[in-house]
N, C-alpha and C. Protein backbone atom coordinates (compact mmCIF):
# COMPACT_ATOMS: atom_id res chain seq x y z
N MET A 1 212.27 102.39 148.58
CA MET A 1 211.68 101.00 147.78
C MET A 1 211.92 100.13 149.22
N LYS A 2 212.31 100.02 150.12
CA LYS A 2 213.02 99.20 151.53
C LYS A 2 211.22 99.01 151.66
N ARG A 3 210.56 99.89 151.67
CA ARG A 3 209.26 99.46 152.16
C ARG A 3 208.22 98.63 151.24
N PHE A 4 209.13 98.76 150.00
CA PHE A 4 208.34 97.81 149.02
C PHE A 4 208.72 96.09 149.12
N LEU A 5 210.46 95.88 149.69
CA LEU A 5 210.92 94.87 150.04
C LEU A 5 210.00 93.72 150.89
N SER A 6 209.90 94.57 152.44
CA SER A 6 209.16 94.74 153.50
C SER A 6 207.81 94.22 153.65
N TYR A 7 207.17 94.56 152.47
CA TYR A 7 205.84 94.79 152.00
C TYR A 7 205.46 93.01 151.72
N PHE A 8 206.26 92.62 150.37
CA PHE A 8 206.29 91.98 149.76
C PHE A 8 206.46 90.25 150.14
N LEU A 9 208.22 91.02 151.37
CA LEU A 9 207.87 89.16 151.92
C LEU A 9 206.57 88.95 153.29
N LEU A 10 206.24 90.16 153.05
CA LEU A 10 204.66 89.22 153.48
C LEU A 10 203.76 88.69 152.75
N LEU A 11 203.74 88.65 151.56
CA LEU A 11 203.46 87.83 151.03
C LEU A 11 203.36 86.15 150.67
N THR A 12 205.11 86.11 151.27
CA THR A 12 204.87 84.44 151.31
C THR A 12 204.34 83.88 152.13
N ILE A 13 203.83 83.98 152.88
CA ILE A 13 202.72 83.22 153.81
C ILE A 13 201.64 83.33 152.96
N LEU A 14 201.16 83.64 152.01
CA LEU A 14 199.78 84.14 151.21
C LEU A 14 199.90 82.91 150.14
N VAL A 15 200.84 83.63 150.13
CA VAL A 15 200.72 82.47 148.65
C VAL A 15 201.77 81.17 148.24
N PRO A 16 201.36 80.49 148.11
CA PRO A 16 202.12 78.81 148.54
C PRO A 16 202.96 78.47 147.41
N GLY A 17 204.07 77.90 147.95
CA GLY A 17 204.93 77.83 146.74
C GLY A 17 204.42 76.99 145.66
N CYS A 18 205.45 76.74 144.73
CA CYS A 18 205.25 75.46 143.65
C CYS A 18 206.22 75.12 143.37
N ASN A 19 205.94 73.72 142.75
CA ASN A 19 206.97 73.03 142.40
C ASN A 19 208.00 73.17 141.03
N PRO A 20 208.79 73.46 140.86
CA PRO A 20 209.14 74.06 139.29
C PRO A 20 209.28 73.25 138.66
N ASP A 21 208.94 71.76 138.50
CA ASP A 21 208.97 70.77 137.74
C ASP A 21 207.50 70.04 137.74
N GLU A 22 206.40 70.86 138.03
CA GLU A 22 205.40 70.23 138.00
C GLU A 22 204.32 71.03 137.18
N THR A 23 204.00 70.39 136.31
CA THR A 23 203.23 71.10 134.91
C THR A 23 202.02 70.17 134.72
N ILE A 24 200.91 70.49 134.37
CA ILE A 24 199.22 70.26 134.58
C ILE A 24 198.72 70.70 133.45
N ARG A 25 198.50 69.85 132.67
CA ARG A 25 197.29 69.73 131.56
C ARG A 25 196.01 70.37 131.97
N VAL A 26 195.57 71.74 131.46
CA VAL A 26 194.51 72.47 131.63
C VAL A 26 193.89 73.03 130.63
N LYS A 27 193.25 73.07 129.80
CA LYS A 27 192.33 73.68 129.28
C LYS A 27 193.10 75.67 129.24
N ASP A 28 192.79 75.88 127.84
CA ASP A 28 193.45 77.03 127.64
C ASP A 28 192.49 78.10 128.29
N GLU A 29 191.36 78.09 128.12
CA GLU A 29 190.64 79.14 128.87
C GLU A 29 190.72 79.75 129.73
N GLU A 30 191.39 78.12 131.27
CA GLU A 30 191.65 78.10 132.69
C GLU A 30 192.61 79.33 132.54
N PHE A 31 193.11 80.59 131.72
CA PHE A 31 194.39 81.02 132.29
C PHE A 31 193.68 82.02 132.28
N PHE A 32 192.40 82.39 131.44
CA PHE A 32 191.95 83.67 131.78
C PHE A 32 190.39 83.42 132.26
N PRO A 33 190.48 82.82 132.86
CA PRO A 33 189.17 82.71 134.35
C PRO A 33 187.77 83.75 133.88
N LEU A 34 186.67 83.69 133.72
CA LEU A 34 185.97 84.91 133.79
C LEU A 34 184.63 84.21 134.05
N GLN A 35 184.18 84.65 135.33
CA GLN A 35 182.86 84.42 136.07
C GLN A 35 182.72 85.44 136.82
N THR A 36 181.41 85.46 136.85
CA THR A 36 180.53 86.32 138.04
C THR A 36 180.98 86.38 139.09
N GLY A 37 181.30 87.26 140.36
CA GLY A 37 182.08 87.06 141.89
C GLY A 37 183.61 86.69 141.28
N PHE A 38 184.32 86.42 140.41
CA PHE A 38 185.53 85.67 141.21
C PHE A 38 186.50 87.40 141.32
N PHE A 39 187.54 86.91 142.11
CA PHE A 39 187.95 88.79 142.21
C PHE A 39 189.19 88.08 142.94
N GLN A 40 190.07 88.68 142.44
CA GLN A 40 191.74 88.84 142.56
C GLN A 40 192.37 90.16 143.45
N ILE A 41 192.96 90.34 144.15
CA ILE A 41 193.54 90.67 144.86
C ILE A 41 195.52 91.07 144.67
N TYR A 42 196.03 91.99 143.93
CA TYR A 42 197.28 92.13 143.73
C TYR A 42 197.82 93.04 144.64
N ALA A 43 199.58 92.82 145.58
CA ALA A 43 200.01 94.24 145.92
C ALA A 43 200.52 95.12 144.46
N VAL A 44 200.63 96.04 144.51
CA VAL A 44 201.42 96.32 143.41
C VAL A 44 202.42 97.72 144.34
N GLU A 45 203.66 97.70 142.97
CA GLU A 45 204.37 99.25 143.61
C GLU A 45 204.39 99.79 141.96
N GLU A 46 204.35 100.89 142.41
CA GLU A 46 203.93 101.78 140.78
C GLU A 46 205.40 103.09 141.42
N ILE A 47 206.40 103.58 140.17
CA ILE A 47 206.55 104.58 140.52
C ILE A 47 206.67 105.74 139.40
N LEU A 48 206.35 106.67 139.54
CA LEU A 48 205.18 107.56 138.38
C LEU A 48 206.82 108.81 138.33
N TYR A 49 207.57 109.13 137.20
CA TYR A 49 208.63 109.87 137.19
C TYR A 49 207.78 110.77 135.89
N THR A 50 207.96 112.22 136.87
CA THR A 50 208.21 113.15 136.03
C THR A 50 209.47 113.72 135.80
N ALA A 51 209.37 114.96 134.71
CA ALA A 51 210.27 116.22 134.30
C ALA A 51 210.93 116.66 135.26
N PHE A 52 210.01 117.44 135.96
CA PHE A 52 210.34 118.58 137.15
C PHE A 52 209.83 118.24 138.95
N ASN A 53 209.71 116.67 138.89
CA ASN A 53 209.55 116.49 140.00
C ASN A 53 210.07 115.23 140.49
N PRO A 54 210.16 114.89 141.58
CA PRO A 54 211.09 113.52 142.17
C PRO A 54 209.93 112.20 142.09
N PRO A 55 210.63 111.85 141.84
CA PRO A 55 209.89 109.91 141.29
C PRO A 55 208.76 110.14 142.53
N GLU A 56 207.59 109.45 142.03
CA GLU A 56 206.57 109.32 143.49
C GLU A 56 206.93 107.93 143.37
N GLU A 57 206.65 107.49 144.65
CA GLU A 57 206.96 105.73 145.02
C GLU A 57 205.23 105.65 145.64
N LEU A 58 204.69 104.77 145.17
CA LEU A 58 203.37 104.79 145.39
C LEU A 58 203.56 102.87 145.94
N MET A 59 202.36 102.91 147.18
CA MET A 59 202.60 101.23 147.01
C MET A 59 201.16 100.80 147.64
N TYR A 60 200.18 100.27 146.61
CA TYR A 60 198.89 100.00 147.62
C TYR A 60 198.28 98.39 147.00
N GLU A 61 197.34 98.55 147.15
CA GLU A 61 196.43 96.65 146.62
C GLU A 61 195.46 97.43 145.64
N LEU A 62 195.16 96.41 145.01
CA LEU A 62 194.54 96.76 143.56
C LEU A 62 193.44 95.25 143.86
N LYS A 63 192.44 95.72 143.59
CA LYS A 63 191.02 94.25 143.82
C LYS A 63 190.17 94.82 142.48
N ALA A 64 190.18 93.54 141.40
CA ALA A 64 189.81 92.95 140.26
C ALA A 64 188.74 92.23 140.49
N GLU A 65 187.47 92.89 140.42
CA GLU A 65 186.20 91.55 140.69
C GLU A 65 185.28 91.90 139.37
N ILE A 66 184.91 90.53 139.25
CA ILE A 66 183.80 90.44 138.10
C ILE A 66 182.76 90.98 138.60
N VAL A 67 181.74 91.78 138.38
CA VAL A 67 180.67 92.18 139.07
C VAL A 67 179.39 91.97 138.38
N ASP A 68 179.61 91.77 136.86
CA ASP A 68 178.27 91.44 136.40
C ASP A 68 179.12 90.88 134.75
N SER A 69 177.58 90.49 133.63
CA SER A 69 178.30 89.71 132.80
C SER A 69 176.97 90.37 131.77
N PHE A 70 177.09 89.72 130.42
CA PHE A 70 175.87 90.19 129.36
C PHE A 70 176.25 89.68 127.83
N ALA A 71 175.51 89.69 126.84
CA ALA A 71 175.54 88.60 126.09
C ALA A 71 176.28 89.78 125.21
N ASN A 72 177.37 89.58 124.34
CA ASN A 72 177.76 90.55 123.10
C ASN A 72 177.60 90.57 121.96
N GLY A 73 177.57 91.07 121.24
CA GLY A 73 177.63 90.87 119.53
C GLY A 73 177.91 89.74 119.01
N GLU A 74 179.13 89.10 119.96
CA GLU A 74 180.02 88.29 118.95
C GLU A 74 179.58 86.68 119.55
N GLY A 75 177.83 86.91 120.12
CA GLY A 75 177.70 85.74 120.36
C GLY A 75 178.24 84.95 121.81
N GLY A 76 178.92 85.97 122.36
CA GLY A 76 179.45 85.52 124.06
C GLY A 76 179.00 85.91 125.00
N ILE A 77 179.82 86.07 126.06
CA ILE A 77 179.71 86.92 127.08
C ILE A 77 180.86 87.91 127.43
N THR A 78 180.35 89.10 127.59
CA THR A 78 181.27 90.15 127.78
C THR A 78 181.40 90.08 129.62
N TYR A 79 182.05 89.99 130.45
CA TYR A 79 181.90 90.20 131.79
C TYR A 79 182.54 91.85 132.11
N VAL A 80 181.98 92.05 132.92
CA VAL A 80 182.35 93.63 133.68
C VAL A 80 183.15 93.67 134.94
N ILE A 81 184.33 94.28 134.99
CA ILE A 81 185.39 94.19 136.33
C ILE A 81 185.24 95.36 136.62
N HIS A 82 184.95 95.66 138.06
CA HIS A 82 185.32 96.60 138.81
C HIS A 82 186.73 96.81 139.34
N HIS A 83 187.55 97.53 139.15
CA HIS A 83 188.66 97.59 139.81
C HIS A 83 188.97 98.25 141.33
N SER A 84 189.12 98.31 141.88
CA SER A 84 188.85 99.18 143.49
C SER A 84 190.81 99.36 144.27
N THR A 85 191.24 100.05 144.90
CA THR A 85 192.11 99.97 145.48
C THR A 85 192.12 100.64 147.17
N ARG A 86 193.30 99.90 147.76
CA ARG A 86 193.17 100.78 149.12
C ARG A 86 195.24 100.46 149.83
N ASN A 87 195.13 101.49 150.64
CA ASN A 87 196.27 101.50 150.55
C ASN A 87 197.13 100.10 151.86
N THR A 88 195.91 100.05 152.52
CA THR A 88 196.54 98.91 153.66
C THR A 88 195.53 98.14 153.44
N GLN A 89 195.59 97.02 154.38
CA GLN A 89 194.49 95.80 154.21
C GLN A 89 193.52 96.10 155.30
N THR A 90 193.68 96.86 155.88
CA THR A 90 192.13 97.86 156.75
C THR A 90 191.73 98.83 156.41
N GLU A 91 191.80 99.21 155.69
CA GLU A 91 191.09 100.44 154.90
C GLU A 91 189.99 99.60 153.77
N PRO A 92 189.01 100.40 154.04
CA PRO A 92 187.63 100.00 152.86
C PRO A 92 187.93 100.32 151.61
N TRP A 93 187.90 99.61 150.48
CA TRP A 93 188.25 99.49 149.20
C TRP A 93 187.36 100.98 148.08
N THR A 94 188.24 101.21 147.52
CA THR A 94 187.81 102.72 146.48
C THR A 94 187.34 102.74 145.93
N PHE A 95 186.25 102.24 144.88
CA PHE A 95 186.10 102.17 143.39
C PHE A 95 187.16 103.14 142.53
N LYS A 96 187.65 102.58 141.56
CA LYS A 96 188.53 102.92 140.15
C LYS A 96 188.15 103.78 139.37
N GLU A 97 187.73 102.26 138.76
CA GLU A 97 187.38 102.76 137.21
C GLU A 97 186.93 100.65 137.10
N THR A 98 186.06 101.20 135.85
CA THR A 98 185.32 99.97 135.17
C THR A 98 186.17 99.37 134.23
N TRP A 99 186.63 97.92 133.64
CA TRP A 99 187.46 97.22 132.87
C TRP A 99 186.12 96.34 132.19
N SER A 100 186.22 95.27 131.17
CA SER A 100 185.40 94.70 130.98
C SER A 100 186.64 92.86 130.03
N ALA A 101 186.16 92.15 130.24
CA ALA A 101 187.14 91.21 129.29
C ALA A 101 186.11 89.65 128.75
N ARG A 102 186.60 89.57 127.58
CA ARG A 102 185.70 88.07 127.05
C ARG A 102 186.55 87.75 126.26
N ARG A 103 186.63 86.41 125.92
CA ARG A 103 186.97 85.52 125.48
C ARG A 103 186.20 85.04 124.26
N THR A 104 186.77 84.23 123.09
CA THR A 104 186.52 83.61 121.97
C THR A 104 186.96 82.60 121.69
N ASN A 105 186.90 81.63 120.50
CA ASN A 105 187.78 80.59 119.91
C ASN A 105 188.84 81.11 119.97
N GLN A 106 189.43 82.95 119.82
CA GLN A 106 190.93 82.27 119.10
C GLN A 106 191.26 82.92 120.46
N TYR A 107 190.86 84.07 121.03
CA TYR A 107 191.72 85.70 121.83
C TYR A 107 190.96 85.72 123.46
N ALA A 108 191.61 85.91 123.86
CA ALA A 108 191.43 86.78 124.97
C ALA A 108 191.03 87.81 125.49
N ILE A 109 190.65 88.68 125.62
CA ILE A 109 190.39 89.64 125.43
C ILE A 109 190.18 91.33 126.59
N GLU A 110 190.83 92.46 127.04
CA GLU A 110 190.66 93.10 127.79
C GLU A 110 190.58 93.89 127.95
N THR A 111 189.57 94.69 127.89
CA THR A 111 189.09 96.63 127.61
C THR A 111 189.16 97.11 128.78
N GLU A 112 190.43 97.81 128.53
CA GLU A 112 190.63 99.37 129.75
C GLU A 112 190.44 99.83 128.90
N GLY A 113 188.65 101.08 129.69
CA GLY A 113 188.32 102.35 129.62
C GLY A 113 187.47 101.71 128.22
N ASN A 114 187.88 102.34 126.95
CA ASN A 114 187.47 101.93 125.45
C ASN A 114 188.69 101.41 124.85
N THR A 115 189.65 101.07 125.28
CA THR A 115 190.85 100.55 124.69
C THR A 115 190.77 98.93 124.91
N SER A 116 190.31 97.68 123.74
CA SER A 116 190.92 96.57 124.09
C SER A 116 192.28 95.65 123.69
N TYR A 117 192.70 94.90 124.45
CA TYR A 117 194.24 94.59 124.21
C TYR A 117 193.60 92.83 123.81
N VAL A 118 194.10 92.21 123.01
CA VAL A 118 194.37 90.89 123.24
C VAL A 118 195.40 90.48 124.04
N LYS A 119 195.08 90.13 125.26
CA LYS A 119 196.08 89.04 125.96
C LYS A 119 196.60 87.81 125.83
N LEU A 120 195.74 87.16 125.05
CA LEU A 120 196.05 85.68 124.59
C LEU A 120 195.62 85.56 123.69
N VAL A 121 196.20 83.93 123.04
CA VAL A 121 195.83 84.05 121.44
C VAL A 121 195.64 82.20 121.64
N PHE A 122 194.79 82.05 121.12
CA PHE A 122 194.43 80.38 121.66
C PHE A 122 194.69 79.61 120.21
N PRO A 123 195.01 78.21 119.99
CA PRO A 123 195.32 77.70 121.23
C PRO A 123 197.25 78.36 121.79
N LEU A 124 197.06 78.17 122.90
CA LEU A 124 198.58 78.59 123.68
C LEU A 124 199.38 77.76 122.84
N HIS A 125 200.92 78.14 122.76
CA HIS A 125 201.60 78.05 122.74
C HIS A 125 202.98 78.36 123.00
N LYS A 126 204.38 77.88 122.81
CA LYS A 126 205.27 78.27 123.22
C LYS A 126 205.64 79.11 121.72
N GLY A 127 205.67 80.41 121.76
CA GLY A 127 206.47 80.79 120.80
C GLY A 127 205.24 81.36 120.06
N ALA A 128 204.05 81.34 120.06
CA ALA A 128 203.02 82.04 119.49
C ALA A 128 203.01 83.33 119.61
N ARG A 129 203.13 84.76 118.56
CA ARG A 129 202.75 85.99 118.48
C ARG A 129 201.69 86.42 117.74
N TRP A 130 201.61 87.66 118.28
CA TRP A 130 200.45 88.55 117.69
C TRP A 130 200.24 89.94 117.94
N ASN A 131 199.60 90.76 117.49
CA ASN A 131 199.25 92.00 117.69
C ASN A 131 198.63 92.17 118.91
N GLY A 132 199.14 92.65 119.74
CA GLY A 132 198.23 92.81 121.05
C GLY A 132 196.69 94.33 120.75
N ASN A 133 197.47 95.16 120.03
CA ASN A 133 196.44 96.59 119.30
C ASN A 133 195.88 95.61 118.07
N LEU A 134 195.04 94.36 118.82
CA LEU A 134 195.17 93.98 117.04
C LEU A 134 193.15 94.66 116.95
N LEU A 135 192.58 95.23 118.18
CA LEU A 135 191.29 95.10 118.78
C LEU A 135 191.43 96.86 118.65
N ASN A 136 192.18 97.19 118.68
CA ASN A 136 192.13 98.79 119.17
C ASN A 136 192.86 99.35 117.71
N ALA A 137 192.95 101.58 117.92
CA ALA A 137 193.70 101.64 116.66
C ALA A 137 195.12 102.24 116.62
N LEU A 138 195.40 101.96 118.23
CA LEU A 138 196.82 101.98 118.44
C LEU A 138 198.39 101.41 117.57
N GLY A 139 198.92 101.20 117.22
CA GLY A 139 200.21 101.17 116.58
C GLY A 139 200.39 99.53 117.05
N GLU A 140 201.06 98.49 115.74
CA GLU A 140 200.94 97.39 116.49
C GLU A 140 201.88 97.17 117.07
N ASP A 141 201.47 96.05 118.02
CA ASP A 141 202.59 96.12 119.31
C ASP A 141 202.26 94.18 119.42
N GLU A 142 203.85 93.41 119.24
CA GLU A 142 203.72 92.25 119.25
C GLU A 142 203.99 91.88 120.46
N TYR A 143 203.13 90.40 120.95
CA TYR A 143 203.63 90.22 121.72
C TYR A 143 203.71 88.20 121.66
N GLU A 144 204.11 88.12 122.42
CA GLU A 144 204.88 86.45 122.33
C GLU A 144 204.92 85.58 123.52
N ILE A 145 204.44 84.66 123.26
CA ILE A 145 204.65 83.58 124.65
C ILE A 145 206.31 83.29 124.76
N GLN A 146 206.41 83.51 125.66
CA GLN A 146 208.14 82.91 126.01
C GLN A 146 208.20 81.72 126.71
N SER A 147 207.25 81.56 127.27
CA SER A 147 207.27 79.64 127.92
C SER A 147 205.77 79.49 128.13
N MET A 148 205.79 78.27 128.55
CA MET A 148 204.70 77.69 129.11
C MET A 148 204.99 76.59 130.11
N GLY A 149 204.37 76.40 130.85
CA GLY A 149 203.96 74.85 131.56
C GLY A 149 205.05 74.86 132.71
N SER A 150 205.76 75.87 133.35
CA SER A 150 207.08 75.70 134.26
C SER A 150 206.58 77.02 135.06
N SER A 151 206.95 76.69 136.59
CA SER A 151 206.45 77.70 137.73
C SER A 151 207.56 78.98 137.39
N PHE A 152 206.56 80.27 138.05
CA PHE A 152 207.30 81.29 137.65
C PHE A 152 207.38 82.07 139.25
N GLU A 153 209.13 82.06 139.37
CA GLU A 153 208.93 83.64 140.52
C GLU A 153 208.82 84.82 140.58
N ALA A 154 207.84 84.52 141.24
CA ALA A 154 207.41 86.56 141.60
C ALA A 154 208.53 87.57 142.82
N GLY A 155 209.69 86.77 142.63
CA GLY A 155 210.43 87.39 144.10
C GLY A 155 209.97 87.51 145.27
N ASN A 156 210.76 87.64 145.90
CA ASN A 156 210.87 86.92 147.56
C ASN A 156 209.69 85.79 148.13
N GLY A 157 210.34 84.99 147.32
CA GLY A 157 209.88 83.49 147.51
C GLY A 157 208.43 83.57 147.02
N ILE A 158 207.99 84.15 145.91
CA ILE A 158 206.73 84.05 145.79
C ILE A 158 206.83 83.14 144.10
N SER A 159 206.21 82.37 144.09
CA SER A 159 205.99 80.96 142.91
C SER A 159 204.71 81.12 142.01
N PHE A 160 204.54 80.93 141.23
CA PHE A 160 203.31 80.47 141.02
C PHE A 160 203.75 79.35 139.49
N THR A 161 202.49 78.26 139.76
CA THR A 161 203.01 76.91 138.78
C THR A 161 202.14 77.30 137.36
N ASN A 162 203.00 76.69 136.64
CA ASN A 162 202.13 76.00 135.52
C ASN A 162 201.97 76.92 134.40
N CYS A 163 202.82 78.03 134.45
CA CYS A 163 202.81 78.98 134.19
C CYS A 163 202.80 79.68 132.62
N THR A 164 201.84 80.70 132.21
CA THR A 164 202.15 81.08 130.60
C THR A 164 202.76 82.76 130.72
N VAL A 165 204.12 82.64 130.18
CA VAL A 165 204.44 84.04 129.95
C VAL A 165 204.71 84.66 128.82
N VAL A 166 203.72 85.57 128.80
CA VAL A 166 204.04 86.56 127.68
C VAL A 166 204.78 87.96 127.92
N ASN A 167 205.75 87.95 126.55
CA ASN A 167 206.69 89.37 126.64
C ASN A 167 205.54 89.98 125.96
N GLN A 168 205.23 91.28 126.42
CA GLN A 168 204.58 92.14 125.15
C GLN A 168 205.66 93.06 124.95
N ASN A 169 206.96 93.61 125.39
CA ASN A 169 207.83 94.11 124.50
C ASN A 169 209.33 94.08 125.22
N ASN A 170 210.29 94.31 124.69
CA ASN A 170 211.71 94.12 125.50
C ASN A 170 211.98 94.98 124.69
N GLU A 171 212.44 96.02 124.74
CA GLU A 171 212.94 97.19 124.04
C GLU A 171 213.50 98.04 124.52
N SER A 172 215.02 98.33 124.63
CA SER A 172 215.64 99.47 125.33
C SER A 172 216.57 100.11 124.38
N ASN A 173 216.96 100.92 124.62
CA ASN A 173 217.96 101.79 123.84
C ASN A 173 218.08 103.12 124.41
N LEU A 174 219.21 104.23 124.39
CA LEU A 174 219.65 105.16 124.86
C LEU A 174 218.72 106.26 125.80
N VAL A 175 218.09 106.18 124.31
CA VAL A 175 216.33 107.09 124.59
C VAL A 175 215.32 106.85 125.60
N PHE A 176 214.65 105.50 125.17
CA PHE A 176 213.63 105.12 126.13
C PHE A 176 214.03 103.43 126.25
N LYS A 177 212.74 103.19 126.96
CA LYS A 177 212.91 101.55 127.65
C LYS A 177 211.82 101.48 127.49
N ASP A 178 211.05 100.38 127.18
CA ASP A 178 209.68 99.45 127.05
C ASP A 178 209.93 97.90 126.87
N GLU A 179 210.04 97.89 128.79
CA GLU A 179 209.83 96.46 128.74
C GLU A 179 208.63 95.91 129.52
N ARG A 180 207.98 94.79 128.87
CA ARG A 180 206.85 94.75 129.97
C ARG A 180 206.07 93.02 129.40
N LEU A 181 205.79 92.47 131.08
CA LEU A 181 205.71 90.66 131.04
C LEU A 181 204.55 90.78 131.84
N GLU A 182 203.68 90.22 131.14
CA GLU A 182 202.22 89.24 131.87
C GLU A 182 202.60 87.70 132.53
N VAL A 183 202.43 87.42 133.25
CA VAL A 183 202.21 85.76 133.66
C VAL A 183 201.27 85.37 134.18
N PHE A 184 199.95 84.53 133.64
CA PHE A 184 198.58 83.91 133.86
C PHE A 184 199.19 82.48 134.18
N SER A 185 198.33 82.01 135.01
CA SER A 185 198.47 80.45 135.62
C SER A 185 196.81 80.22 135.97
N PRO A 186 196.49 78.91 135.33
CA PRO A 186 195.41 78.28 135.56
C PRO A 186 194.57 78.09 136.94
N GLY A 187 193.54 78.77 136.51
CA GLY A 187 192.30 78.95 137.55
C GLY A 187 192.69 80.29 138.74
N LEU A 188 193.67 81.30 138.13
CA LEU A 188 194.12 82.06 138.49
C LEU A 188 193.69 83.73 138.11
N GLY A 189 194.29 83.36 136.50
CA GLY A 189 194.40 84.59 135.48
C GLY A 189 195.41 85.19 135.92
N LEU A 190 196.19 85.92 135.74
CA LEU A 190 197.04 87.00 135.64
C LEU A 190 197.58 87.23 137.34
N VAL A 191 198.61 86.61 136.95
CA VAL A 191 199.40 86.17 138.39
C VAL A 191 200.29 87.35 139.06
N PHE A 192 201.16 87.75 137.61
CA PHE A 192 202.23 88.90 137.59
C PHE A 192 201.86 89.86 136.53
N LYS A 193 202.27 91.03 136.95
CA LYS A 193 202.66 92.07 135.67
C LYS A 193 203.90 93.19 136.07
N GLU A 194 204.86 93.00 135.08
CA GLU A 194 205.76 94.14 135.36
C GLU A 194 206.04 95.14 134.16
N SER A 195 205.80 96.50 134.30
CA SER A 195 205.86 96.96 133.43
C SER A 195 206.96 98.18 133.39
N LYS A 196 207.84 98.16 132.67
CA LYS A 196 209.19 99.74 132.58
C LYS A 196 208.73 100.24 131.62
N VAL A 197 208.63 101.61 131.76
CA VAL A 197 207.96 102.18 130.40
C VAL A 197 208.54 103.85 130.39
N TRP A 198 209.71 104.00 130.08
CA TRP A 198 210.07 105.80 130.47
C TRP A 198 211.19 106.09 129.23
N ASN A 199 211.28 107.09 129.54
CA ASN A 199 212.36 107.94 128.66
C ASN A 199 213.11 108.35 129.12
N TYR A 200 214.65 108.93 128.49
CA TYR A 200 215.88 109.01 129.52
C TYR A 200 215.61 110.45 129.15
N ASN A 201 216.55 111.09 130.06
CA ASN A 201 217.26 112.47 129.58
C ASN A 201 217.79 112.97 128.55
N CYS A 202 217.78 113.66 127.65
CA CYS A 202 218.60 113.99 126.20
C CYS A 202 218.71 115.05 126.23
N SER A 203 219.23 115.42 125.55
CA SER A 203 219.99 116.84 125.40
C SER A 203 221.36 117.03 124.18
N GLY A 204 220.93 118.08 123.19
CA GLY A 204 222.24 118.37 122.46
C GLY A 204 222.46 116.56 122.17
N GLY A 205 221.51 116.03 121.37
CA GLY A 205 221.64 114.80 121.12
C GLY A 205 222.53 113.88 122.04
N THR A 206 222.76 113.99 123.27
CA THR A 206 223.38 113.70 124.19
C THR A 206 222.36 112.72 125.56
N CYS A 207 222.27 111.77 125.83
CA CYS A 207 221.42 110.76 126.57
C CYS A 207 222.35 110.89 128.38
N SER A 208 221.68 111.19 129.06
CA SER A 208 221.97 111.06 130.73
C SER A 208 222.19 109.64 131.16
N GLY A 209 220.76 108.65 130.94
CA GLY A 209 220.35 107.76 131.45
C GLY A 209 219.89 107.57 133.18
N GLN A 210 219.66 109.30 132.88
CA GLN A 210 218.47 109.72 133.89
C GLN A 210 216.86 109.62 133.32
N ILE A 211 216.25 108.96 134.31
CA ILE A 211 214.61 108.84 133.58
C ILE A 211 214.09 110.22 133.64
N ASN A 212 213.85 110.70 132.90
CA ASN A 212 212.79 112.30 132.63
C ASN A 212 211.39 111.88 132.85
N SER A 213 210.48 110.48 132.04
CA SER A 213 209.31 110.58 132.12
C SER A 213 208.89 109.32 131.97
N GLY A 214 207.50 108.66 132.76
CA GLY A 214 207.42 107.55 132.41
C GLY A 214 206.92 106.83 134.02
N ARG A 215 206.57 105.61 133.77
CA ARG A 215 206.09 104.45 134.86
C ARG A 215 206.72 103.37 134.65
N TYR A 216 206.58 102.70 136.67
CA TYR A 216 207.49 101.54 136.70
C TYR A 216 205.91 100.95 137.36
N LEU A 217 205.55 99.78 137.03
CA LEU A 217 204.74 99.32 138.08
C LEU A 217 204.81 97.33 138.07
N LYS A 218 204.51 97.00 138.88
CA LYS A 218 204.56 95.51 139.50
C LYS A 218 203.42 95.66 140.16
N GLN A 219 203.00 94.14 139.83
CA GLN A 219 201.62 93.65 140.18
C GLN A 219 201.48 92.66 140.36
N VAL A 220 201.14 91.62 141.93
CA VAL A 220 202.09 90.47 142.41
C VAL A 220 200.45 90.16 142.94
N LEU A 221 199.48 88.97 142.40
CA LEU A 221 198.82 88.19 143.31
C LEU A 221 198.85 87.73 144.22
N LYS A 222 198.09 88.43 145.36
CA LYS A 222 198.36 87.82 146.47
C LYS A 222 196.97 87.02 147.43
N GLU A 223 196.12 87.26 146.71
CA GLU A 223 194.47 87.03 146.91
C GLU A 223 194.14 86.34 145.81
N HIS A 224 192.87 85.42 146.03
CA HIS A 224 191.81 85.34 144.96
C HIS A 224 190.72 84.55 145.63
N GLY A 225 189.61 84.57 144.79
CA GLY A 225 188.43 83.88 145.20
C GLY A 225 187.11 83.93 144.75
N HIS A 226 185.75 83.93 145.22
CA HIS A 226 184.70 83.43 144.64
C HIS A 226 183.77 84.36 145.18
N ASN A 227 182.69 85.40 145.14
CA ASN A 227 182.09 86.07 146.12
C ASN A 227 180.60 85.45 145.71
């Protein structure tokens, strides 16, 4: 994990600090920007846990780029997003998968493969709650806007301004943990994501606290722009 820390320290020179008291009034849709050519590059930490192998620790960059758009059946526009990865800044990008995103008057929606998630609900306001799985066949998953208008500290001196913080879940017990958080900033979109979802090793009604299977993910915006 030490190599993760050294990597994220480098990001402090790439992402400007923000005044925690600085609040700017912006339109709701700016928290979920959609325009062909817009791209975001993230630094990603990922740990994969399996029952019979040591944890697999990964560190890489993820690029999300809007490459196309088309009219959808809702009378709006759907934007096609290509996800690519690379291990270091000097390596070429390798295409990984295609997602899509769209906005309606009510929702900001992201589709991962064939599964759509409601990422934000409009109008944005603190305490708003909704079912993130409203548009898919998965079970109900209540999201809540935890805070709005404040700076968010992403760690290692990195901060973002005027953020909307969405708590997707915050559940933990002796058997499992499911904690998921996403942070959006105007003009930048998703700037921070952290997910801790795993099961603990349990046998005979006793759980050891050792992770048996699951995944940790941390994703921090380091660069954005428009091609």
